[in-house]
C-alpha cells in the first residue's frame, strides 16, 4: 500500500508528462484506426490537415508561452501576476499567426480542402 501511495505522489508531481504521453498514445492509436477506416485519399487529406494544425501549434505562439512563464511572478497560492503588454502581445500573435496560417493554407492547399472556413475555428 505504501508503494502505491509513492507511485501516486510521483505521478502527481509529473502530471504534465503523463498528459503528454497519453496524448501521444491516443494520437498514435487514432492514426492506426483511421488508416484502416479511411480511403487512401481521405487519409492523405487527414494527414495534411493534422500536419498543418501541428505546425500551427508548434510555431503559432513563436515561443511566447516560455516568455510568459519566465516573466510571470508567483505571489500567493492562487495568485500569479504577469505584465499586461505580454498578454496583449500573445493574443495579437495568436490572431495574426492564425489568420496568416489560414491564408497560406488556402493559397497552397485549396484543392485539398474546399471548406477553409473550418480553419478559422
PDB file of N, CA and C in Angstrom:
ATOM      1  N   UNK A   1       0.818  -1.199   0.000  1.00  0.00           N
ATOM      2  CA  UNK A   1       0.000   0.000   0.000  1.00  0.00           C
ATOM      3  C   UNK A   1       0.857   1.257   0.000  1.00  0.00           C
ATOM      4  N   UNK A   2       1.985   1.219   0.722  1.00  0.00           N
ATOM      5  CA  UNK A   2       2.865   2.379   0.775  1.00  0.00           C
ATOM      6  C   UNK A   2       3.508   2.634  -0.584  1.00  0.00           C
ATOM      7  N   UNK A   3       3.829   1.558  -1.292  1.00  0.00           N
ATOM      8  CA  UNK A   3       4.424   1.720  -2.623  1.00  0.00           C
ATOM      9  C   UNK A   3       3.431   2.361  -3.585  1.00  0.00           C
ATOM     10  N   UNK A   4       2.171   1.973  -3.461  1.00  0.00           N
ATOM     11  CA  UNK A   4       1.138   2.552  -4.318  1.00  0.00           C
ATOM     12  C   UNK A   4       1.001   4.053  -4.057  1.00  0.00           C
ATOM     13  N   UNK A   5       1.063   4.459  -2.789  1.00  0.00           N
ATOM     14  CA  UNK A   5       0.973   5.880  -2.448  1.00  0.00           C
ATOM     15  C   UNK A   5       2.171   6.653  -2.999  1.00  0.00           C
ATOM     16  N   UNK A   6       3.353   6.031  -2.953  1.00  0.00           N
ATOM     17  CA  UNK A   6       4.540   6.683  -3.503  1.00  0.00           C
ATOM     18  C   UNK A   6       4.415   6.864  -5.009  1.00  0.00           C
ATOM     19  N   UNK A   7       3.870   5.856  -5.678  1.00  0.00           N
ATOM     20  CA  UNK A   7       3.675   5.956  -7.132  1.00  0.00           C
ATOM     21  C   UNK A   7       2.687   7.076  -7.449  1.00  0.00           C
ATOM     22  N   UNK A   8       1.602   7.174  -6.675  1.00  0.00           N
ATOM     23  CA  UNK A   8       0.610   8.235  -6.887  1.00  0.00           C
ATOM     24  C   UNK A   8       1.232   9.602  -6.644  1.00  0.00           C
ATOM     25  N   UNK A   9       2.044   9.733  -5.600  1.00  0.00           N
ATOM     26  CA  UNK A   9       2.697  11.010  -5.317  1.00  0.00           C
ATOM     27  C   UNK A   9       3.654  11.402  -6.442  1.00  0.00           C
ATOM     28  N   UNK A  10       4.426  10.447  -6.944  1.00  0.00           N
ATOM     29  CA  UNK A  10       5.337  10.720  -8.068  1.00  0.00           C
ATOM     30  C   UNK A  10       4.542  11.109  -9.303  1.00  0.00           C
ATOM     31  N   UNK A  11       3.417  10.424  -9.532  1.00  0.00           N
ATOM     32  CA  UNK A  11       2.573  10.744 -10.677  1.00  0.00           C
ATOM     33  C   UNK A  11       1.999  12.138 -10.600  1.00  0.00           C
ATOM     34  N   UNK A  12       1.615  12.573  -9.410  1.00  0.00           N
ATOM     35  CA  UNK A  12       1.081  13.929  -9.245  1.00  0.00           C
ATOM     36  C   UNK A  12       2.147  14.980  -9.508  1.00  0.00           C
ATOM     37  N   UNK A  13       3.398  14.666  -9.186  1.00  0.00           N
ATOM     38  CA  UNK A  13       4.481  15.614  -9.430  1.00  0.00           C
ATOM     39  C   UNK A  13       4.802  15.743 -10.911  1.00  0.00           C
ATOM     40  N   UNK A  14       4.503  14.723 -11.675  1.00  0.00           N
ATOM     41  CA  UNK A  14       4.826  14.711 -13.108  1.00  0.00           C
ATOM     42  C   UNK A  14       3.561  14.526 -13.950  1.00  0.00           C
ATOM     43  N   UNK A  15       2.502  15.177 -13.553  1.00  0.00           N
ATOM     44  CA  UNK A  15       1.223  15.026 -14.238  1.00  0.00           C
ATOM     45  C   UNK A  15       1.274  15.555 -15.668  1.00  0.00           C
ATOM     46  N   UNK A  16       2.005  16.617 -15.905  1.00  0.00           N
ATOM     47  CA  UNK A  16       2.063  17.175 -17.262  1.00  0.00           C
ATOM     48  C   UNK A  16       2.734  16.196 -18.215  1.00  0.00           C
ATOM     49  N   UNK A  17       3.744  15.484 -17.756  1.00  0.00           N
ATOM     50  CA  UNK A  17       4.384  14.470 -18.589  1.00  0.00           C
ATOM     51  C   UNK A  17       3.409  13.352 -18.908  1.00  0.00           C
ATOM     52  N   UNK A  18       2.604  12.967 -17.922  1.00  0.00           N
ATOM     53  CA  UNK A  18       1.611  11.915 -18.133  1.00  0.00           C
ATOM     54  C   UNK A  18       0.586  12.334 -19.184  1.00  0.00           C
ATOM     55  N   UNK A  19       0.178  13.583 -19.143  1.00  0.00           N
ATOM     56  CA  UNK A  19      -0.792  14.090 -20.128  1.00  0.00           C
ATOM     57  C   UNK A  19      -0.179  14.073 -21.534  1.00  0.00           C
ATOM     58  N   UNK A  20       1.075  14.465 -21.655  1.00  0.00           N
ATOM     59  CA  UNK A  20       1.753  14.465 -22.957  1.00  0.00           C
ATOM     60  C   UNK A  20       1.872  13.050 -23.498  1.00  0.00           C
ATOM     61  N   UNK A  21       2.255  12.109 -22.635  1.00  0.00           N
ATOM     62  CA  UNK A  21       2.401  10.712 -23.063  1.00  0.00           C
ATOM     63  C   UNK A  21       1.048  10.139 -23.463  1.00  0.00           C
ATOM     64  N   UNK A  22       0.011  10.416 -22.683  1.00  0.00           N
ATOM     65  CA  UNK A  22      -1.324   9.928 -23.012  1.00  0.00           C
ATOM     66  C   UNK A  22      -1.799  10.505 -24.352  1.00  0.00           C
ATOM     67  N   UNK A  23      -1.542  11.776 -24.590  1.00  0.00           N
ATOM     68  CA  UNK A  23      -1.915  12.394 -25.868  1.00  0.00           C
ATOM     69  C   UNK A  23      -1.183  11.760 -27.042  1.00  0.00           C
ATOM     70  N   UNK A  24       0.096  11.458 -26.869  1.00  0.00           N
ATOM     71  CA  UNK A  24       0.867  10.819 -27.937  1.00  0.00           C
ATOM     72  C   UNK A  24       0.348   9.417 -28.228  1.00  0.00           C
ATOM     73  N   UNK A  25      -0.008   8.681 -27.183  1.00  0.00           N
ATOM     74  CA  UNK A  25      -0.554   7.332 -27.379  1.00  0.00           C
ATOM     75  C   UNK A  25      -1.892   7.400 -28.100  1.00  0.00           C
ATOM     76  N   UNK A  26      -2.757   8.330 -27.707  1.00  0.00           N
ATOM     77  CA  UNK A  26      -4.058   8.483 -28.373  1.00  0.00           C
ATOM     78  C   UNK A  26      -3.890   8.890 -29.831  1.00  0.00           C
ATOM     79  N   UNK A  27      -2.957   9.775 -30.107  1.00  0.00           N
ATOM     80  CA  UNK A  27      -2.684  10.195 -31.483  1.00  0.00           C
ATOM     81  C   UNK A  27      -2.209   9.004 -32.319  1.00  0.00           C
ATOM     82  N   UNK A  28      -1.331   8.193 -31.760  1.00  0.00           N
ATOM     83  CA  UNK A  28      -0.816   7.019 -32.446  1.00  0.00           C
ATOM     84  C   UNK A  28      -1.943   6.026 -32.735  1.00  0.00           C
ATOM     85  N   UNK A  29      -2.777   5.744 -31.734  1.00  0.00           N
ATOM     86  CA  UNK A  29      -3.878   4.807 -31.928  1.00  0.00           C
ATOM     87  C   UNK A  29      -4.912   5.346 -32.915  1.00  0.00           C
ATOM     88  N   UNK A  30      -5.166   6.638 -32.882  1.00  0.00           N
ATOM     89  CA  UNK A  30      -6.107   7.240 -33.839  1.00  0.00           C
ATOM     90  C   UNK A  30      -5.590   7.095 -35.262  1.00  0.00           C
ATOM     91  N   UNK A  31      -4.294   7.254 -35.465  1.00  0.00           N
ATOM     92  CA  UNK A  31      -3.730   7.069 -36.803  1.00  0.00           C
ATOM     93  C   UNK A  31      -3.884   5.645 -37.281  1.00  0.00           C
ATOM     94  N   UNK A  32      -3.689   4.687 -36.398  1.00  0.00           N
ATOM     95  CA  UNK A  32      -3.851   3.276 -36.787  1.00  0.00           C
ATOM     96  C   UNK A  32      -5.292   2.985 -37.174  1.00  0.00           C
ATOM     97  N   UNK A  33      -6.241   3.440 -36.362  1.00  0.00           N
ATOM     98  CA  UNK A  33      -7.658   3.192 -36.642  1.00  0.00           C
ATOM     99  C   UNK A  33      -8.090   3.900 -37.921  1.00  0.00           C
ATOM    100  N   UNK A  34      -7.714   5.165 -38.070  1.00  0.00           N
ATOM    101  CA  UNK A  34      -8.129   5.915 -39.257  1.00  0.00           C
ATOM    102  C   UNK A  34      -7.471   5.381 -40.530  1.00  0.00           C
ATOM    103  N   UNK A  35      -6.285   4.855 -40.434  1.00  0.00           N
ATOM    104  CA  UNK A  35      -5.621   4.263 -41.603  1.00  0.00           C
ATOM    105  C   UNK A  35      -6.446   3.098 -42.152  1.00  0.00           C
ATOM    106  N   UNK A  36      -7.064   2.349 -41.252  1.00  0.00           N
ATOM    107  CA  UNK A  36      -7.882   1.209 -41.666  1.00  0.00           C
ATOM    108  C   UNK A  36      -9.274   1.630 -42.150  1.00  0.00           C
ATOM    109  N   UNK A  37      -9.822   2.682 -41.562  1.00  0.00           N
ATOM    110  CA  UNK A  37     -11.202   3.079 -41.868  1.00  0.00           C
ATOM    111  C   UNK A  37     -11.330   4.010 -43.067  1.00  0.00           C
ATOM    112  N   UNK A  38     -10.326   4.834 -43.332  1.00  0.00           N
ATOM    113  CA  UNK A  38     -10.407   5.818 -44.412  1.00  0.00           C
ATOM    114  C   UNK A  38      -9.764   5.278 -45.679  1.00  0.00           C
ATOM    115  N   UNK A  39     -10.184   5.843 -46.808  1.00  0.00           N
ATOM    116  CA  UNK A  39      -9.537   5.501 -48.071  1.00  0.00           C
ATOM    117  C   UNK A  39      -8.173   6.188 -48.125  1.00  0.00           C
ATOM    118  N   UNK A  40      -7.380   5.839 -49.136  1.00  0.00           N
ATOM    119  CA  UNK A  40      -6.051   6.453 -49.254  1.00  0.00           C
ATOM    120  C   UNK A  40      -6.153   7.967 -49.420  1.00  0.00           C
ATOM    121  N   UNK A  41      -7.079   8.428 -50.221  1.00  0.00           N
ATOM    122  CA  UNK A  41      -7.245   9.865 -50.428  1.00  0.00           C
ATOM    123  C   UNK A  41      -7.710  10.581 -49.181  1.00  0.00           C
ATOM    124  N   UNK A  42      -8.694   9.998 -48.478  1.00  0.00           N
ATOM    125  CA  UNK A  42      -9.202  10.610 -47.254  1.00  0.00           C
ATOM    126  C   UNK A  42      -8.127  10.649 -46.165  1.00  0.00           C
ATOM    127  N   UNK A  43      -7.351   9.575 -46.066  1.00  0.00           N
ATOM    128  CA  UNK A  43      -6.292   9.556 -45.061  1.00  0.00           C
ATOM    129  C   UNK A  43      -5.193  10.561 -45.408  1.00  0.00           C
ATOM    130  N   UNK A  44      -4.947  10.749 -46.691  1.00  0.00           N
ATOM    131  CA  UNK A  44      -3.970  11.758 -47.108  1.00  0.00           C
ATOM    132  C   UNK A  44      -4.413  13.155 -46.721  1.00  0.00           C
ATOM    133  N   UNK A  45      -5.684  13.455 -46.948  1.00  0.00           N
ATOM    134  CA  UNK A  45      -6.222  14.763 -46.550  1.00  0.00           C
ATOM    135  C   UNK A  45      -6.157  14.922 -45.036  1.00  0.00           C
ATOM    136  N   UNK A  46      -6.532  13.886 -44.305  1.00  0.00           N
ATOM    137  CA  UNK A  46      -6.449  13.905 -42.838  1.00  0.00           C
ATOM    138  C   UNK A  46      -5.014  14.185 -42.392  1.00  0.00           C
ATOM    139  N   UNK A  47      -4.050  13.533 -43.012  1.00  0.00           N
ATOM    140  CA  UNK A  47      -2.643  13.715 -42.636  1.00  0.00           C
ATOM    141  C   UNK A  47      -2.173  15.144 -42.887  1.00  0.00           C
ATOM    142  N   UNK A  48      -2.587  15.705 -44.015  1.00  0.00           N
ATOM    143  CA  UNK A  48      -2.195  17.078 -44.327  1.00  0.00           C
ATOM    144  C   UNK A  48      -2.794  18.058 -43.325  1.00  0.00           C
ATOM    145  N   UNK A  49      -4.060  17.884 -42.982  1.00  0.00           N
ATOM    146  CA  UNK A  49      -4.715  18.785 -42.033  1.00  0.00           C
ATOM    147  C   UNK A  49      -4.093  18.650 -40.645  1.00  0.00           C
ATOM    148  N   UNK A  50      -3.831  17.427 -40.199  1.00  0.00           N
ATOM    149  CA  UNK A  50      -3.214  17.222 -38.886  1.00  0.00           C
ATOM    150  C   UNK A  50      -1.807  17.814 -38.859  1.00  0.00           C
ATOM    151  N   UNK A  51      -1.062  17.634 -39.939  1.00  0.00           N
ATOM    152  CA  UNK A  51       0.275  18.219 -40.008  1.00  0.00           C
ATOM    153  C   UNK A  51       0.199  19.739 -39.961  1.00  0.00           C
ATOM    154  N   UNK A  52      -0.764  20.321 -40.664  1.00  0.00           N
ATOM    155  CA  UNK A  52      -0.946  21.774 -40.641  1.00  0.00           C
ATOM    156  C   UNK A  52      -1.231  22.262 -39.227  1.00  0.00           C
ATOM    157  N   UNK A  53      -2.187  21.612 -38.541  1.00  0.00           N
ATOM    158  CA  UNK A  53      -2.527  22.041 -37.182  1.00  0.00           C
ATOM    159  C   UNK A  53      -1.353  21.836 -36.226  1.00  0.00           C
ATOM    160  N   UNK A  54      -0.594  20.779 -36.414  1.00  0.00           N
ATOM    161  CA  UNK A  54       0.584  20.552 -35.567  1.00  0.00           C
ATOM    162  C   UNK A  54       1.620  21.647 -35.775  1.00  0.00           C
ATOM    163  N   UNK A  55       1.846  22.030 -37.023  1.00  0.00           N
ATOM    164  CA  UNK A  55       2.806  23.100 -37.314  1.00  0.00           C
ATOM    165  C   UNK A  55       2.320  24.439 -36.755  1.00  0.00           C
ATOM    166  N   UNK A  56       1.026  24.704 -36.871  1.00  0.00           N
ATOM    167  CA  UNK A  56       0.490  25.945 -36.317  1.00  0.00           C
ATOM    168  C   UNK A  56       0.599  25.948 -34.793  1.00  0.00           C
ATOM    169  N   UNK A  57       0.399  24.796 -34.177  1.00  0.00           N
ATOM    170  CA  UNK A  57       0.541  24.701 -32.726  1.00  0.00           C
ATOM    171  C   UNK A  57       1.991  24.891 -32.312  1.00  0.00           C
ATOM    172  N   UNK A  58       2.901  24.322 -33.086  1.00  0.00           N
ATOM    173  CA  UNK A  58       4.316  24.397 -32.755  1.00  0.00           C
ATOM    174  C   UNK A  58       4.869  25.809 -32.929  1.00  0.00           C
ATOM    175  N   UNK A  59       4.541  26.439 -34.051  1.00  0.00           N
ATOM    176  CA  UNK A  59       5.111  27.748 -34.366  1.00  0.00           C
ATOM    177  C   UNK A  59       4.158  28.915 -34.136  1.00  0.00           C
ATOM    178  N   UNK A  60       2.906  28.641 -33.821  1.00  0.00           N
ATOM    179  CA  UNK A  60       1.895  29.690 -33.730  1.00  0.00           C
ATOM    180  C   UNK A  60       2.161  30.746 -32.684  1.00  0.00           C
ATOM    181  N   UNK A  61       2.681  30.343 -31.538  1.00  0.00           N
ATOM    182  CA  UNK A  61       2.937  31.314 -30.469  1.00  0.00           C
ATOM    183  C   UNK A  61       4.347  31.887 -30.512  1.00  0.00           C
ATOM    184  N   UNK A  62       5.173  31.375 -31.378  1.00  0.00           N
ATOM    185  CA  UNK A  62       6.538  31.872 -31.564  1.00  0.00           C
ATOM    186  C   UNK A  62       7.348  31.861 -30.269  1.00  0.00           C
ATOM    187  N   UNK A  63       7.085  30.887 -29.402  1.00  0.00           N
ATOM    188  CA  UNK A  63       7.835  30.762 -28.154  1.00  0.00           C
ATOM    189  C   UNK A  63       7.373  31.676 -27.043  1.00  0.00           C
ATOM    190  N   UNK A  64       6.277  32.375 -27.241  1.00  0.00           N
ATOM    191  CA  UNK A  64       5.827  33.333 -26.226  1.00  0.00           C
ATOM    192  C   UNK A  64       5.289  32.661 -24.970  1.00  0.00           C
ATOM    193  N   UNK A  65       4.928  31.383 -25.038  1.00  0.00           N
ATOM    194  CA  UNK A  65       4.479  30.703 -23.824  1.00  0.00           C
ATOM    195  C   UNK A  65       5.638  30.573 -22.831  1.00  0.00           C
ATOM    196  N   UNK A  66       6.858  30.420 -23.348  1.00  0.00           N
ATOM    197  CA  UNK A  66       8.027  30.362 -22.470  1.00  0.00           C
ATOM    198  C   UNK A  66       8.330  31.743 -21.865  1.00  0.00           C
ATOM    199  N   UNK A  67       8.149  32.785 -22.655  1.00  0.00           N
ATOM    200  CA  UNK A  67       8.334  34.146 -22.141  1.00  0.00           C
ATOM    201  C   UNK A  67       7.292  34.430 -21.059  1.00  0.00           C
ATOM    202  N   UNK A  68       6.075  33.971 -21.281  1.00  0.00           N
ATOM    203  CA  UNK A  68       5.014  34.142 -20.288  1.00  0.00           C
ATOM    204  C   UNK A  68       5.399  33.486 -18.963  1.00  0.00           C
ATOM    205  N   UNK A  69       5.929  32.280 -19.027  1.00  0.00           N
ATOM    206  CA  UNK A  69       6.332  31.570 -17.810  1.00  0.00           C
ATOM    207  C   UNK A  69       7.475  32.293 -17.116  1.00  0.00           C
ATOM    208  N   UNK A  70       8.437  32.792 -17.884  1.00  0.00           N
ATOM    209  CA  UNK A  70       9.606  33.450 -17.279  1.00  0.00           C
ATOM    210  C   UNK A  70       9.290  34.811 -16.674  1.00  0.00           C
ATOM    211  N   UNK A  71       8.366  35.543 -17.276  1.00  0.00           N
ATOM    212  CA  UNK A  71       8.066  36.887 -16.781  1.00  0.00           C
ATOM    213  C   UNK A  71       6.949  36.924 -15.744  1.00  0.00           C
ATOM    214  N   UNK A  72       6.277  35.809 -15.526  1.00  0.00           N
ATOM    215  CA  UNK A  72       5.205  35.767 -14.534  1.00  0.00           C
ATOM    216  C   UNK A  72       5.775  35.554 -13.146  1.00  0.00           C
ATOM    217  N   UNK A  73       5.147  36.199 -12.172  1.00  0.00           N
ATOM    218  CA  UNK A  73       5.577  36.082 -10.782  1.00  0.00           C
ATOM    219  C   UNK A  73       4.510  35.362  -9.972  1.00  0.00           C
ATOM    220  N   UNK A  74       4.960  34.486  -9.104  1.00  0.00           N
ATOM    221  CA  UNK A  74       4.086  33.732  -8.213  1.00  0.00           C
ATOM    222  C   UNK A  74       4.084  34.431  -6.865  1.00  0.00           C
ATOM    223  N   UNK A  75       2.932  35.034  -6.481  1.00  0.00           N
ATOM    224  CA  UNK A  75       2.873  35.811  -5.251  1.00  0.00           C
ATOM    225  C   UNK A  75       2.292  35.021  -4.084  1.00  0.00           C
ATOM    226  N   UNK A  76       1.148  34.436  -4.283  1.00  0.00           N
ATOM    227  CA  UNK A  76       0.487  33.661  -3.247  1.00  0.00           C
ATOM    228  C   UNK A  76       0.113  32.312  -3.837  1.00  0.00           C
ATOM    229  N   UNK A  77      -0.645  31.548  -3.059  1.00  0.00           N
ATOM    230  CA  UNK A  77      -1.006  30.206  -3.508  1.00  0.00           C
ATOM    231  C   UNK A  77      -1.755  30.217  -4.841  1.00  0.00           C
ATOM    232  N   UNK A  78      -2.700  31.113  -5.006  1.00  0.00           N
ATOM    233  CA  UNK A  78      -3.505  31.169  -6.228  1.00  0.00           C
ATOM    234  C   UNK A  78      -3.350  32.478  -6.985  1.00  0.00           C
ATOM    235  N   UNK A  79      -2.265  33.186  -6.798  1.00  0.00           N
ATOM    236  CA  UNK A  79      -2.068  34.488  -7.446  1.00  0.00           C
ATOM    237  C   UNK A  79      -0.804  34.472  -8.288  1.00  0.00           C
ATOM    238  N   UNK A  80      -0.974  34.747  -9.563  1.00  0.00           N
ATOM    239  CA  UNK A  80       0.158  34.880 -10.476  1.00  0.00           C
ATOM    240  C   UNK A  80      -0.004  36.217 -11.185  1.00  0.00           C
ATOM    241  N   UNK A  81       1.062  37.004 -11.231  1.00  0.00           N
ATOM    242  CA  UNK A  81       0.993  38.279 -11.940  1.00  0.00           C
ATOM    243  C   UNK A  81       1.911  38.220 -13.155  1.00  0.00           C
ATOM    244  N   UNK A  82       1.457  38.874 -14.197  1.00  0.00           N
ATOM    245  CA  UNK A  82       2.234  38.940 -15.427  1.00  0.00           C
ATOM    246  C   UNK A  82       2.005  40.307 -16.062  1.00  0.00           C
ATOM    247  N   UNK A  83       2.959  40.809 -16.816  1.00  0.00           N
ATOM    248  CA  UNK A  83       2.777  42.123 -17.452  1.00  0.00           C
ATOM    249  C   UNK A  83       1.628  42.109 -18.464  1.00  0.00           C
ATOM    250  N   UNK A  84       0.840  43.185 -18.468  1.00  0.00           N
ATOM    251  CA  UNK A  84      -0.294  43.278 -19.391  1.00  0.00           C
ATOM    252  C   UNK A  84       0.153  43.306 -20.850  1.00  0.00           C
ATOM    253  N   UNK A  85       1.291  43.952 -21.114  1.00  0.00           N
ATOM    254  CA  UNK A  85       1.747  44.027 -22.501  1.00  0.00           C
ATOM    255  C   UNK A  85       2.019  42.634 -23.054  1.00  0.00           C
ATOM    256  N   UNK A  86       2.446  41.717 -22.191  1.00  0.00           N
ATOM    257  CA  UNK A  86       2.734  40.360 -22.636  1.00  0.00           C
ATOM    258  C   UNK A  86       1.452  39.636 -23.040  1.00  0.00           C
ATOM    259  N   UNK A  87       0.397  39.819 -22.269  1.00  0.00           N
ATOM    260  CA  UNK A  87      -0.883  39.205 -22.617  1.00  0.00           C
ATOM    261  C   UNK A  87      -1.420  39.769 -23.934  1.00  0.00           C
ATOM    262  N   UNK A  88      -1.301  41.089 -24.106  1.00  0.00           N
ATOM    263  CA  UNK A  88      -1.740  41.700 -25.367  1.00  0.00           C
ATOM    264  C   UNK A  88      -0.904  41.192 -26.533  1.00  0.00           C
ATOM    265  N   UNK A  89       0.394  41.038 -26.325  1.00  0.00           N
ATOM    266  CA  UNK A  89       1.282  40.536 -27.367  1.00  0.00           C
ATOM    267  C   UNK A  89       0.935  39.101 -27.742  1.00  0.00           C
ATOM    268  N   UNK A  90       0.683  38.263 -26.745  1.00  0.00           N
ATOM    269  CA  UNK A  90       0.348  36.863 -27.010  1.00  0.00           C
ATOM    270  C   UNK A  90      -0.956  36.754 -27.791  1.00  0.00           C
ATOM    271  N   UNK A  91      -1.974  37.500 -27.382  1.00  0.00           N
ATOM    272  CA  UNK A  91      -3.255  37.465 -28.107  1.00  0.00           C
ATOM    273  C   UNK A  91      -3.073  37.962 -29.535  1.00  0.00           C
ATOM    274  N   UNK A  92      -2.296  39.021 -29.713  1.00  0.00           N
ATOM    275  CA  UNK A  92      -2.043  39.548 -31.065  1.00  0.00           C
ATOM    276  C   UNK A  92      -1.324  38.526 -31.938  1.00  0.00           C
ATOM    277  N   UNK A  93      -0.324  37.876 -31.381  1.00  0.00           N
ATOM    278  CA  UNK A  93       0.433  36.878 -32.141  1.00  0.00           C
ATOM    279  C   UNK A  93      -0.460  35.693 -32.500  1.00  0.00           C
ATOM    280  N   UNK A  94      -1.329  35.271 -31.583  1.00  0.00           N
ATOM    281  CA  UNK A  94      -2.247  34.161 -31.877  1.00  0.00           C
ATOM    282  C   UNK A  94      -3.164  34.530 -33.035  1.00  0.00           C
ATOM    283  N   UNK A  95      -3.738  35.722 -32.998  1.00  0.00           N
ATOM    284  CA  UNK A  95      -4.660  36.139 -34.063  1.00  0.00           C
ATOM    285  C   UNK A  95      -3.919  36.269 -35.393  1.00  0.00           C
ATOM    286  N   UNK A  96      -2.781  36.932 -35.380  1.00  0.00           N
ATOM    287  CA  UNK A  96      -2.033  37.147 -36.624  1.00  0.00           C
ATOM    288  C   UNK A  96      -1.543  35.819 -37.208  1.00  0.00           C
ATOM    289  N   UNK A  97      -0.991  34.951 -36.371  1.00  0.00           N
ATOM    290  CA  UNK A  97      -0.482  33.677 -36.903  1.00  0.00           C
ATOM    291  C   UNK A  97      -1.610  32.780 -37.380  1.00  0.00           C
ATOM    292  N   UNK A  98      -2.763  32.830 -36.730  1.00  0.00           N
ATOM    293  CA  UNK A  98      -3.907  32.030 -37.184  1.00  0.00           C
ATOM    294  C   UNK A  98      -4.415  32.498 -38.538  1.00  0.00           C
ATOM    295  N   UNK A  99      -4.585  33.805 -38.670  1.00  0.00           N
ATOM    296  CA  UNK A  99      -5.077  34.345 -39.946  1.00  0.00           C
ATOM    297  C   UNK A  99      -4.046  34.128 -41.050  1.00  0.00           C
ATOM    298  N   UNK A 100      -2.788  34.400 -40.761  1.00  0.00           N
ATOM    299  CA  UNK A 100      -1.727  34.197 -41.751  1.00  0.00           C
ATOM    300  C   UNK A 100      -1.613  32.728 -42.140  1.00  0.00           C
ATOM    301  N   UNK A 101      -1.672  31.845 -41.158  1.00  0.00           N
ATOM    302  CA  UNK A 101      -1.609  30.417 -41.447  1.00  0.00           C
ATOM    303  C   UNK A 101      -2.776  29.947 -42.285  1.00  0.00           C
ATOM    304  N   UNK A 102      -3.958  30.494 -42.033  1.00  0.00           N
ATOM    305  CA  UNK A 102      -5.135  30.128 -42.824  1.00  0.00           C
ATOM    306  C   UNK A 102      -4.987  30.582 -44.267  1.00  0.00           C
ATOM    307  N   UNK A 103      -4.508  31.790 -44.479  1.00  0.00           N
ATOM    308  CA  UNK A 103      -4.328  32.272 -45.842  1.00  0.00           C
ATOM    309  C   UNK A 103      -3.236  31.500 -46.575  1.00  0.00           C
ATOM    310  N   UNK A 104      -2.172  31.135 -45.876  1.00  0.00           N
ATOM    311  CA  UNK A 104      -1.118  30.335 -46.511  1.00  0.00           C
ATOM    312  C   UNK A 104      -1.659  28.956 -46.883  1.00  0.00           C
ATOM    313  N   UNK A 105      -2.419  28.341 -45.971  1.00  0.00           N
ATOM    314  CA  UNK A 105      -3.006  27.029 -46.270  1.00  0.00           C
ATOM    315  C   UNK A 105      -3.961  27.133 -47.445  1.00  0.00           C
ATOM    316  N   UNK A 106      -4.744  28.186 -47.483  1.00  0.00           N
ATOM    317  CA  UNK A 106      -5.692  28.380 -48.583  1.00  0.00           C
ATOM    318  C   UNK A 106      -4.950  28.569 -49.908  1.00  0.00           C
ATOM    319  N   UNK A 107      -3.827  29.271 -49.858  1.00  0.00           N
ATOM    320  CA  UNK A 107      -3.057  29.544 -51.073  1.00  0.00           C
ATOM    321  C   UNK A 107      -2.450  28.270 -51.658  1.00  0.00           C
ATOM    322  N   UNK A 108      -1.885  27.420 -50.801  1.00  0.00           N
ATOM    323  CA  UNK A 108      -1.139  26.274 -51.294  1.00  0.00           C
ATOM    324  C   UNK A 108      -1.912  24.963 -51.276  1.00  0.00           C
ATOM    325  N   UNK A 109      -2.997  24.885 -50.529  1.00  0.00           N
ATOM    326  CA  UNK A 109      -3.724  23.620 -50.408  1.00  0.00           C
ATOM    327  C   UNK A 109      -5.214  23.789 -50.660  1.00  0.00           C
ATOM    328  N   UNK A 110      -5.613  24.736 -51.453  1.00  0.00           N
ATOM    329  CA  UNK A 110      -7.038  24.982 -51.654  1.00  0.00           C
ATOM    330  C   UNK A 110      -7.724  23.842 -52.395  1.00  0.00           C
ATOM    331  N   UNK A 111      -6.980  23.090 -53.208  1.00  0.00           N
ATOM    332  CA  UNK A 111      -7.605  21.980 -53.914  1.00  0.00           C
ATOM    333  C   UNK A 111      -7.869  20.798 -52.983  1.00  0.00           C
ATOM    334  N   UNK A 112      -7.224  20.771 -51.841  1.00  0.00           N
ATOM    335  CA  UNK A 112      -7.418  19.664 -50.897  1.00  0.00           C
ATOM    336  C   UNK A 112      -8.685  19.877 -50.086  1.00  0.00           C
ATOM    337  N   UNK A 113      -8.823  21.061 -49.536  1.00  0.00           N
ATOM    338  CA  UNK A 113      -9.998  21.371 -48.730  1.00  0.00           C
ATOM    339  C   UNK A 113     -10.739  22.546 -49.345  1.00  0.00           C
ATOM    340  N   UNK A 114     -11.982  22.347 -49.632  1.00  0.00           N
ATOM    341  CA  UNK A 114     -12.778  23.431 -50.189  1.00  0.00           C
ATOM    342  C   UNK A 114     -13.479  24.234 -49.099  1.00  0.00           C
ATOM    343  N   UNK A 115     -13.475  23.750 -47.879  1.00  0.00           N
ATOM    344  CA  UNK A 115     -14.163  24.444 -46.796  1.00  0.00           C
ATOM    345  C   UNK A 115     -13.136  25.013 -45.815  1.00  0.00           C
ATOM    346  N   UNK A 116     -12.390  26.009 -46.252  1.00  0.00           N
ATOM    347  CA  UNK A 116     -11.335  26.606 -45.440  1.00  0.00           C
ATOM    348  C   UNK A 116     -11.870  27.393 -44.245  1.00  0.00           C
ATOM    349  N   UNK A 117     -13.173  27.641 -44.211  1.00  0.00           N
ATOM    350  CA  UNK A 117     -13.739  28.372 -43.091  1.00  0.00           C
ATOM    351  C   UNK A 117     -13.527  27.616 -41.780  1.00  0.00           C
ATOM    352  N   UNK A 118     -13.444  26.289 -41.833  1.00  0.00           N
ATOM    353  CA  UNK A 118     -13.238  25.495 -40.630  1.00  0.00           C
ATOM    354  C   UNK A 118     -11.899  25.819 -39.981  1.00  0.00           C
ATOM    355  N   UNK A 119     -10.931  26.320 -40.729  1.00  0.00           N
ATOM    356  CA  UNK A 119      -9.614  26.610 -40.181  1.00  0.00           C
ATOM    357  C   UNK A 119      -9.615  27.856 -39.308  1.00  0.00           C
ATOM    358  N   UNK A 120     -10.670  28.657 -39.378  1.00  0.00           N
ATOM    359  CA  UNK A 120     -10.755  29.827 -38.521  1.00  0.00           C
ATOM    360  C   UNK A 120     -11.207  29.458 -37.113  1.00  0.00           C
ATOM    361  N   UNK A 121     -11.767  28.263 -36.922  1.00  0.00           N
ATOM    362  CA  UNK A 121     -12.306  27.861 -35.621  1.00  0.00           C
ATOM    363  C   UNK A 121     -11.412  26.892 -34.927  1.00  0.00           C
TER     364      UNK A 121
END
